[in-house]
Amino acid sequence: MRFDLATIVSDTLLVVLMKSILLMKKSLISTYILLIIVTIATACVSGMSSVFEVVVALIMVLAGLKFLLVAFHFMELKKAHSFWKISLILTVGLFIVLVVSLKLTS
């Protein structure tokens, strides 16, 4: 009798993957889908070449949104002290303003 390890391993990985997807909370799935949508929107915006200043600002805002989504949900910053929440939001906002203003002046 022949033992086919590749089939067993691939079936096992598929079962584990499906179980992990089914066990994810709805908020995790919705956040993940929102991150994918924002990533696709960033790719679509980067293809536009109409107004360069608006494209740069929009890409930076979408990147900041993705960063905050990951920080608050996957790093569980939503359970942290409000000082850290406000400090992170202000830092990301300041970084976006700095990068956009430097890009527009050069």
Protein backbone atom coordinates (compact mmCIF):
# COMPACT_ATOMS: atom_id res chain seq x y z
CA MET A 1 0.00 0.00 0.00
CA ARG A 2 1.38 3.34 -1.03
CA PHE A 3 1.50 6.27 1.38
CA ASP A 4 0.98 9.64 -0.33
CA LEU A 5 2.23 12.30 2.08
CA ALA A 6 1.61 15.25 -0.25
CA THR A 7 -2.10 14.57 -0.47
CA ILE A 8 -2.45 14.15 3.28
CA VAL A 9 -0.49 17.33 4.03
CA SER A 10 -2.38 19.43 1.47
CA ASP A 11 -5.75 18.13 2.67
CA THR A 12 -4.77 18.79 6.28
CA LEU A 13 -3.65 22.34 5.49
CA LEU A 14 -6.88 23.00 3.62
CA VAL A 15 -8.96 21.73 6.54
CA VAL A 16 -6.97 23.81 9.03
CA LEU A 17 -7.33 26.90 6.84
CA MET A 18 -11.08 26.45 6.47
CA LYS A 19 -11.52 25.90 10.20
CA SER A 20 -9.53 29.02 11.01
CA ILE A 21 -11.58 31.09 8.57
CA LEU A 22 -14.84 29.79 10.03
CA LEU A 23 -13.67 30.44 13.59
CA MET A 24 -12.69 34.05 12.90
CA LYS A 25 -14.94 36.60 14.47
CA LYS A 26 -17.13 38.66 12.20
CA SER A 27 -15.26 41.81 13.16
CA LEU A 28 -11.95 40.28 12.08
CA ILE A 29 -13.41 39.26 8.75
CA SER A 30 -15.00 42.66 8.18
CA THR A 31 -11.74 44.43 9.06
CA TYR A 32 -9.82 42.14 6.74
CA ILE A 33 -12.28 42.78 3.89
CA LEU A 34 -12.09 46.53 4.55
CA LEU A 35 -8.28 46.37 4.37
CA ILE A 36 -8.49 44.56 1.03
CA ILE A 37 -10.95 47.16 -0.30
CA VAL A 38 -8.71 50.05 0.82
CA THR A 39 -5.70 48.35 -0.79
CA ILE A 40 -7.58 47.95 -4.08
CA ALA A 41 -8.71 51.58 -3.86
CA THR A 42 -5.10 52.65 -3.36
CA ALA A 43 -4.06 50.70 -6.44
CA CYS A 44 -6.83 52.33 -8.48
CA VAL A 45 -5.93 55.82 -7.23
CA SER A 46 -2.25 55.31 -8.01
CA GLY A 47 -3.16 54.61 -11.64
CA MET A 48 -4.78 58.03 -12.01
CA SER A 49 -2.49 60.70 -13.34
CA SER A 50 -4.93 63.60 -13.56
CA VAL A 51 -4.01 65.75 -10.56
CA PHE A 52 -0.71 64.72 -8.98
CA GLU A 53 -1.18 66.61 -5.70
CA VAL A 54 -4.56 65.05 -5.02
CA VAL A 55 -3.29 61.56 -5.85
CA VAL A 56 -0.37 61.87 -3.41
CA ALA A 57 -2.60 63.14 -0.63
CA LEU A 58 -5.24 60.47 -1.23
CA ILE A 59 -2.71 57.65 -1.24
CA MET A 60 -1.21 58.90 2.02
CA VAL A 61 -4.64 59.18 3.66
CA LEU A 62 -5.53 55.64 2.56
CA ALA A 63 -2.19 54.37 3.88
CA GLY A 64 -2.84 56.09 7.20
CA LEU A 65 -6.31 54.54 7.34
CA LYS A 66 -4.88 51.09 6.75
CA PHE A 67 -2.25 51.64 9.44
CA LEU A 68 -4.85 52.75 11.97
CA LEU A 69 -7.12 49.80 11.11
CA VAL A 70 -4.29 47.37 11.72
CA ALA A 71 -3.14 49.13 14.87
CA PHE A 72 -6.55 49.38 16.47
CA HIS A 73 -7.88 45.98 15.51
CA PHE A 74 -5.08 43.49 15.07
CA MET A 75 -2.70 45.02 17.62
CA GLU A 76 -5.66 45.54 19.97
CA LEU A 77 -4.95 49.20 20.54
CA LYS A 78 -8.67 49.72 21.08
CA LYS A 79 -8.18 48.23 24.55
CA ALA A 80 -5.28 50.56 25.36
CA HIS A 81 -5.31 53.78 27.36
CA SER A 82 -6.77 56.76 25.53
CA PHE A 83 -3.38 58.53 25.67
CA TRP A 84 -1.91 55.92 23.33
CA LYS A 85 -4.89 56.06 21.00
CA ILE A 86 -4.77 59.83 20.68
CA SER A 87 -0.99 59.85 20.41
CA LEU A 88 -1.01 57.32 17.58
CA ILE A 89 -3.73 59.15 15.65
CA LEU A 90 -1.92 62.48 16.00
CA THR A 91 1.40 60.93 14.98
CA VAL A 92 -0.08 59.34 11.87
CA GLY A 93 -1.87 62.58 10.98
CA LEU A 94 1.29 64.63 11.46
CA PHE A 95 3.29 62.15 9.37
CA ILE A 96 0.75 62.33 6.53
CA VAL A 97 0.73 66.14 6.57
CA LEU A 98 4.54 66.23 6.65
CA VAL A 99 5.00 63.80 3.76
CA VAL A 100 2.34 65.46 1.60
CA SER A 101 3.68 68.95 2.25
CA LEU A 102 7.27 67.87 1.52
CA LYS A 103 6.19 66.12 -1.68
CA LEU A 104 4.24 69.14 -2.88
CA THR A 105 7.07 71.60 -2.22
CA SER A 106 9.67 69.56 -4.09
